Every structure is written in C-alpha cells, then in structure tokens.
Amino acid sequence: MKKDLAIFEGHEIRRIYDEKTETWFFSVVDIIQILTQQPDFQTARKYWNKLKERLGKEGSQLVTNCHRFKLRAGDGKLRLTDAANAETLLRLVQSVPSPKAEPIKLWLAKVGYERMQEMSDPARALDRARDTWQKHGRSAKWIQQRMTGQETRNKLTDYWATHEIKKGDEYAILTNLIHQEWSDLSVKAHKELKGLKTQNLRDHMSEAELIFTALAELSTRQIAETTAATGMPENQIAAKTGGKIAKRARLELEAQTGRKVVTGENYLPPGGSAQKLRTTNDE
C-alpha cells in the first residue's frame, strides 16, 4: 500500500491506496473536520465517534463499509484510523449538515471520476506516474524500464484473472513465489534490505532489478500460456519455473561482472526529495 495526502481548500486529507482493490481510502475524521469546520482535531474525532455510534444503531452500512488503516497522526506516529472510499464518503457526507457538504461531494466525485478516467484510459495513469518519477529525479532510462516492467506485469495479471486466480491474496502469493525464485529473497525481505516500509518495492529497484523482475514475470506468463496453467497449483509451477529462468540469467551476469544484482540501494530521500540511489546496507 502507498500513502499520500490529498488537498481540499488548503486542508490536508490523509489517504492510502489499497493495491489489492486498486482503491483510494480517505481518513473519515479528516473529512468530518472539514465538514464541521472544527479547528481542533480531537473535537472532530469525538463528533465522528458519536455519529458512528448513531449510524451503527440505525443499522447503516456506512459504518461497516469503513476500513481501518494505519495512517500518520499529528504526533508523527502511525495509528489505526477509520477510512472509506469515495463512494462511501459521498453517502456519509449526507449525514452531516454542513455548508461544506456540496463542495466536498463535488471534490470526492472528481477524485472518483479521475480514477474512472484512468481505468478507461490507462495512458492517463502512466502519464501521471511518469511525471511523478521525473519530479523524484528518475532518469529517462529508468522510467522507460519501470514502465516496460509494469506492462509485463499487467499482461501476467491479465492471464491470472482469466485462469482461476483470485485477485488479492493469490496474486500476492504467486508474485512472491516468482520473486523468491529469481532473487533468492521474498518481497518482504527485499523491501527490508532496501530499508522500505510502506513504499512500493519496484519504485526503488535499480535498472537491473527491474529487468530481472520483468524477465521472471515474462517467463512465467509464457510458460503458463504454453501449458494452459489454470488455478493455483498449475500457476505455482509456472511461477517457479519462470523465476528460475531469471535466476540463472542473474547468476550468470553476477559471475561475469562480480557485482550483485539485488542490493540495498533505494531512492529514499536522505532528508529531502530523492534524487539518486543510495545504499542502506553494506554489500
């Protein structure tokens, strides 16, 4: 999952992107604070707690549709926070009498519309991603490799979607299996090596790591297509085989160059915006 801040009329609204459902979830209390025009966060939190209790007694689905995510609080610590998607928040806003209700609803609708645009026209999402990477100092070569790798990834998940693989946990299991095979590290261990927490691992890969990840996923898809792999057991075999193909290539390159492909290098900023890879672990 990745975290971010959205801005509404100068107010910061915490949000988190759930990659499993491909959905942005927004902090409910941040929205409530704007609706009630409360300068004090704790007052807004108490208002939401009372509203949540009332809605719960009424049997409203709004409460059950809220999720709990760890978002950064004012003291800098990550705390479990009620969050909801744009659709749920649009309905929740109707429960709070406020002159800010309509502007917030329009803003939420715009957020949802932009996501719908990206779903119908993926180029919009790619353009936004390219702009973000450029602002973070990524080279044109790195950006091209990142986007090529994403296209390879999408073709693999498209195959899974039509061959009895469930989006979410099963995607994650197969992804981790491929990664473990080619890199000798789980996704979690690779992130820990790079000193990452909530960040997207691929956004902090070197060019070589991106290339071998893409090779492993390309090999997996082509093997799955050749064998018509369907369901988890058959796709797990394809994932292991595809990952091993990339591993053999990695080991051969490392033998020729004397350099490791998988490293602790990342794009984490030492104090400000990331400009170049830095090493967090001694190799």
Protein backbone atom coordinates (compact mmCIF):
# COMPACT_ATOMS: atom_id res chain seq x y z
CA MET A 1 0.00 0.00 0.00
CA LYS A 2 1.11 3.52 -0.63
CA LYS A 3 0.18 6.60 1.35
CA ASP A 4 -0.34 10.15 0.24
CA LEU A 5 -2.07 13.40 1.12
CA ALA A 6 -4.94 14.94 -0.80
CA ILE A 7 -5.68 18.66 -0.52
CA PHE A 8 -9.14 20.23 -0.29
CA GLU A 9 -9.26 24.03 0.01
CA GLY A 10 -5.92 24.02 1.82
CA HIS A 11 -6.87 21.20 4.17
CA GLU A 12 -4.77 18.05 4.19
CA ILE A 13 -6.73 14.82 3.92
CA ARG A 14 -4.83 11.64 4.68
CA ARG A 15 -5.38 8.80 2.27
CA ILE A 16 -4.00 5.37 1.46
CA TYR A 17 -4.04 3.37 -1.76
CA ASP A 18 -5.01 -0.27 -1.38
CA GLU A 19 -3.25 -2.09 -4.21
CA LYS A 20 -5.34 -5.25 -3.74
CA THR A 21 -8.57 -3.42 -4.52
CA GLU A 22 -6.94 -0.58 -6.50
CA THR A 23 -8.86 1.93 -4.39
CA TRP A 24 -8.03 5.14 -2.53
CA PHE A 25 -9.32 5.26 1.06
CA PHE A 26 -9.59 8.65 2.79
CA SER A 27 -9.44 9.43 6.51
CA VAL A 28 -13.04 9.83 7.68
CA VAL A 29 -12.19 12.12 10.58
CA ASP A 30 -10.26 14.46 8.25
CA ILE A 31 -13.39 14.79 6.11
CA ILE A 32 -15.53 15.27 9.24
CA GLN A 33 -13.20 18.01 10.47
CA ILE A 34 -13.72 19.94 7.24
CA LEU A 35 -17.48 19.39 7.25
CA THR A 36 -17.88 20.52 10.86
CA GLN A 37 -15.32 23.31 10.35
CA GLN A 38 -13.59 22.36 13.58
CA PRO A 39 -10.07 23.73 14.05
CA ASP A 40 -9.48 21.12 16.77
CA PHE A 41 -8.85 17.58 15.53
CA GLN A 42 -9.97 15.93 18.77
CA THR A 43 -13.36 17.65 18.59
CA ALA A 44 -13.83 16.33 15.07
CA ARG A 45 -12.81 12.86 16.24
CA LYS A 46 -15.42 12.93 19.03
CA TYR A 47 -18.06 14.09 16.53
CA TRP A 48 -17.23 11.15 14.27
CA ASN A 49 -17.34 8.68 17.16
CA LYS A 50 -20.84 9.85 18.12
CA LEU A 51 -22.01 9.84 14.51
CA LYS A 52 -20.57 6.36 14.03
CA GLU A 53 -22.40 5.14 17.12
CA ARG A 54 -25.70 6.60 15.88
CA LEU A 55 -25.29 5.17 12.40
CA GLY A 56 -24.42 1.80 13.88
CA LYS A 57 -27.62 1.76 15.94
CA GLU A 58 -29.58 2.63 12.82
CA GLY A 59 -28.05 -0.35 11.06
CA SER A 60 -26.38 1.83 8.45
CA GLN A 61 -23.96 0.11 6.07
CA LEU A 62 -21.80 3.25 6.12
CA VAL A 63 -20.06 2.14 9.31
CA THR A 64 -19.43 -1.41 8.12
CA ASN A 65 -18.07 -0.05 4.83
CA CYS A 66 -15.34 1.86 6.68
CA HIS A 67 -11.94 0.21 6.98
CA ARG A 68 -9.12 0.64 9.46
CA PHE A 69 -5.70 1.59 8.13
CA LYS A 70 -2.54 2.81 9.81
CA LEU A 71 -2.21 6.50 8.91
CA ARG A 72 0.26 9.00 10.29
CA ALA A 73 -1.23 11.08 13.10
CA GLY A 74 -0.33 14.63 14.12
CA ASP A 75 2.35 13.33 16.50
CA GLY A 76 4.06 11.54 13.64
CA LYS A 77 3.08 8.04 14.77
CA LEU A 78 1.14 5.55 12.68
CA ARG A 79 -2.26 4.89 14.20
CA LEU A 80 -5.25 2.83 13.12
CA THR A 81 -7.68 5.25 11.51
CA ASP A 82 -11.17 4.88 10.06
CA ALA A 83 -11.03 5.33 6.31
CA ALA A 84 -13.54 5.00 3.48
CA ASN A 85 -13.57 5.10 -0.29
CA ALA A 86 -15.05 7.99 -2.24
CA GLU A 87 -18.40 6.26 -2.75
CA THR A 88 -18.92 5.63 0.97
CA LEU A 89 -17.83 9.15 1.86
CA LEU A 90 -20.29 10.65 -0.63
CA ARG A 91 -23.08 8.93 1.28
CA LEU A 92 -21.59 9.77 4.67
CA VAL A 93 -21.46 13.47 3.86
CA GLN A 94 -25.26 13.46 3.65
CA SER A 95 -25.39 12.64 7.39
CA VAL A 96 -23.54 15.82 8.36
CA PRO A 97 -25.33 19.16 7.99
CA SER A 98 -22.66 21.49 6.69
CA PRO A 99 -22.17 24.32 4.19
CA LYS A 100 -19.09 22.38 3.06
CA ALA A 101 -21.15 19.33 2.12
CA GLU A 102 -21.63 20.19 -1.55
CA PRO A 103 -18.03 21.30 -2.20
CA ILE A 104 -16.75 18.12 -0.53
CA LYS A 105 -19.16 15.98 -2.57
CA LEU A 106 -18.00 17.62 -5.78
CA TRP A 107 -14.38 17.09 -4.78
CA LEU A 108 -14.96 13.42 -3.94
CA ALA A 109 -16.85 12.92 -7.18
CA LYS A 110 -13.90 14.44 -9.05
CA VAL A 111 -11.50 12.08 -7.28
CA GLY A 112 -13.64 9.13 -8.30
CA TYR A 113 -14.02 10.44 -11.84
CA GLU A 114 -10.27 10.80 -12.27
CA ARG A 115 -9.84 7.19 -11.19
CA MET A 116 -12.54 6.10 -13.65
CA GLN A 117 -10.74 8.03 -16.40
CA GLU A 118 -7.51 6.21 -15.61
CA MET A 119 -9.29 2.85 -15.69
CA SER A 120 -10.84 3.58 -19.10
CA ASP A 121 -7.69 5.27 -20.41
CA PRO A 122 -4.59 3.75 -18.70
CA ALA A 123 -2.37 6.25 -20.53
CA ARG A 124 -3.56 8.91 -18.06
CA ALA A 125 -2.23 6.89 -15.14
CA LEU A 126 1.04 6.26 -16.95
CA ASP A 127 1.48 9.95 -17.72
CA ARG A 128 0.86 10.82 -14.07
CA ALA A 129 3.33 8.17 -12.94
CA ARG A 130 5.96 9.40 -15.42
CA ASP A 131 5.58 12.97 -14.15
CA THR A 132 5.95 11.81 -10.55
CA TRP A 133 9.10 9.79 -11.28
CA GLN A 134 10.62 12.72 -13.16
CA LYS A 135 9.95 15.02 -10.21
CA HIS A 136 11.70 12.49 -7.97
CA GLY A 137 14.81 12.58 -10.11
CA ARG A 138 14.49 9.29 -12.00
CA SER A 139 16.35 9.12 -15.32
CA ALA A 140 14.53 8.70 -18.62
CA LYS A 141 16.14 5.25 -18.98
CA TRP A 142 14.92 4.14 -15.54
CA ILE A 143 11.40 5.43 -16.22
CA GLN A 144 11.23 3.55 -19.51
CA GLN A 145 12.35 0.34 -17.83
CA ARG A 146 9.86 0.83 -15.00
CA MET A 147 7.00 1.32 -17.44
CA THR A 148 8.06 -1.63 -19.59
CA GLY A 149 8.16 -3.78 -16.47
CA GLN A 150 4.69 -2.62 -15.49
CA GLU A 151 3.34 -3.58 -18.90
CA THR A 152 4.87 -7.04 -18.49
CA ARG A 153 3.33 -7.28 -15.04
CA ASN A 154 -0.11 -6.27 -16.33
CA LYS A 155 -0.04 -8.96 -19.03
CA LEU A 156 0.74 -11.56 -16.38
CA THR A 157 -2.07 -10.48 -14.07
CA ASP A 158 -4.43 -10.37 -17.06
CA TYR A 159 -3.60 -14.02 -17.64
CA TRP A 160 -4.16 -14.88 -13.98
CA ALA A 161 -7.52 -13.10 -13.98
CA THR A 162 -8.83 -15.39 -16.71
CA HIS A 163 -7.34 -18.62 -15.35
CA GLU A 164 -8.92 -19.00 -11.93
CA ILE A 165 -6.50 -16.93 -9.87
CA LYS A 166 -8.20 -14.71 -7.31
CA LYS A 167 -7.16 -11.08 -7.20
CA GLY A 168 -5.57 -10.14 -3.90
CA ASP A 169 -4.03 -12.90 -1.79
CA GLU A 170 -3.46 -15.37 -4.63
CA TYR A 171 -1.87 -12.68 -6.80
CA ALA A 172 0.41 -11.83 -3.87
CA ILE A 173 1.35 -15.49 -3.28
CA LEU A 174 2.32 -16.03 -6.92
CA THR A 175 4.15 -12.69 -7.11
CA ASN A 176 6.17 -13.57 -4.02
CA LEU A 177 6.94 -17.03 -5.39
CA ILE A 178 8.31 -15.57 -8.65
CA HIS A 179 10.34 -13.01 -6.72
CA GLN A 180 11.74 -15.58 -4.31
CA GLU A 181 12.84 -17.81 -7.17
CA TRP A 182 14.71 -15.18 -9.21
CA SER A 183 16.18 -13.08 -6.40
CA ASP A 184 16.56 -15.60 -3.53
CA LEU A 185 14.59 -13.12 -1.41
CA SER A 186 10.91 -12.77 -0.61
CA VAL A 187 9.28 -9.45 -1.49
CA LYS A 188 9.24 -8.59 2.23
CA ALA A 189 12.92 -9.44 2.68
CA HIS A 190 13.86 -7.42 -0.42
CA LYS A 191 11.98 -4.41 0.98
CA GLU A 192 13.72 -4.82 4.33
CA LEU A 193 17.10 -4.98 2.57
CA LYS A 194 16.32 -1.63 0.96
CA GLY A 195 15.01 -0.12 4.19
CA LEU A 196 11.49 0.26 2.80
CA LYS A 197 8.29 0.20 4.82
CA THR A 198 5.15 1.34 3.01
CA GLN A 199 6.92 2.24 -0.24
CA ASN A 200 6.43 0.31 -3.48
CA LEU A 201 9.42 -2.01 -3.95
CA ARG A 202 9.55 -1.58 -7.74
CA ASP A 203 9.79 2.19 -7.37
CA HIS A 204 13.07 1.64 -5.52
CA MET A 205 14.61 -1.00 -7.76
CA SER A 206 17.71 -0.43 -9.84
CA GLU A 207 17.55 -0.82 -13.59
CA ALA A 208 18.97 -4.36 -13.28
CA GLU A 209 16.44 -5.38 -10.64
CA LEU A 210 13.60 -4.10 -12.80
CA ILE A 211 14.91 -6.01 -15.82
CA PHE A 212 15.22 -9.33 -13.97
CA THR A 213 11.80 -8.88 -12.36
CA ALA A 214 10.33 -8.34 -15.81
CA LEU A 215 12.21 -11.35 -17.21
CA ALA A 216 10.86 -13.57 -14.42
CA GLU A 217 7.29 -12.39 -14.97
CA LEU A 218 7.52 -12.59 -18.76
CA SER A 219 8.88 -16.15 -18.50
CA THR A 220 6.14 -17.09 -16.05
CA ARG A 221 3.39 -15.83 -18.34
CA GLN A 222 4.74 -17.50 -21.45
CA ILE A 223 5.18 -20.81 -19.63
CA ALA A 224 1.66 -20.53 -18.19
CA GLU A 225 0.26 -19.79 -21.65
CA THR A 226 2.15 -22.71 -23.19
CA THR A 227 0.90 -25.16 -20.57
CA ALA A 228 -2.54 -23.51 -20.26
CA ALA A 229 -1.95 -23.29 -16.50
CA THR A 230 -5.23 -22.89 -14.62
CA GLY A 231 -5.75 -22.50 -10.89
CA MET A 232 -3.14 -22.10 -8.15
CA PRO A 233 -1.23 -25.42 -8.31
CA GLU A 234 -0.53 -25.17 -12.04
CA ASN A 235 0.30 -21.45 -11.91
CA GLN A 236 2.61 -22.02 -8.96
CA ILE A 237 4.61 -24.43 -11.12
CA ALA A 238 4.78 -21.82 -13.90
CA ALA A 239 5.82 -19.15 -11.37
CA LYS A 240 8.66 -21.28 -10.01
CA THR A 241 9.88 -22.19 -13.48
CA GLY A 242 9.72 -18.61 -14.74
CA GLY A 243 11.53 -17.33 -11.68
CA LYS A 244 14.30 -19.92 -12.07
CA ILE A 245 14.92 -18.85 -15.66
CA ALA A 246 15.57 -15.29 -14.47
CA LYS A 247 17.70 -16.60 -11.59
CA ARG A 248 20.01 -18.47 -13.96
CA ALA A 249 20.44 -15.29 -16.00
CA ARG A 250 21.11 -13.28 -12.83
CA LEU A 251 23.75 -15.71 -11.57
CA GLU A 252 25.50 -15.73 -14.94
CA LEU A 253 25.60 -11.92 -15.04
CA GLU A 254 26.90 -11.73 -11.47
CA ALA A 255 29.62 -14.28 -12.31
CA GLN A 256 30.72 -12.20 -15.29
CA THR A 257 30.63 -8.80 -13.56
CA GLY A 258 31.40 -9.68 -9.95
CA ARG A 259 28.53 -7.41 -8.91
CA LYS A 260 25.29 -8.33 -7.15
CA VAL A 261 22.04 -7.55 -8.93
CA VAL A 262 19.93 -7.46 -5.76
CA THR A 263 21.19 -4.75 -3.42
CA GLY A 264 20.08 -2.44 -0.65
CA GLU A 265 20.14 0.60 -2.93
CA ASN A 266 16.98 2.69 -2.94
CA TYR A 267 15.54 6.10 -3.76
CA LEU A 268 14.66 7.04 -0.20
CA PRO A 269 15.45 10.71 0.46
CA PRO A 270 18.25 11.29 2.99
CA GLY A 271 16.44 14.44 4.11
CA GLY A 272 14.52 15.82 1.18
CA SER A 273 13.34 14.59 -2.20
CA ALA A 274 15.12 11.55 -3.58
CA GLN A 275 17.48 12.40 -6.39
CA LYS A 276 19.56 9.26 -6.80
CA LEU A 277 20.03 5.75 -5.48
CA ARG A 278 21.71 5.50 -2.12
CA THR A 279 22.90 2.38 -0.31
CA THR A 280 21.34 1.43 3.03
CA ASN A 281 23.17 -1.88 3.52
CA ASP A 282 26.79 -2.80 3.16
CA GLU A 283 27.21 -5.43 0.49
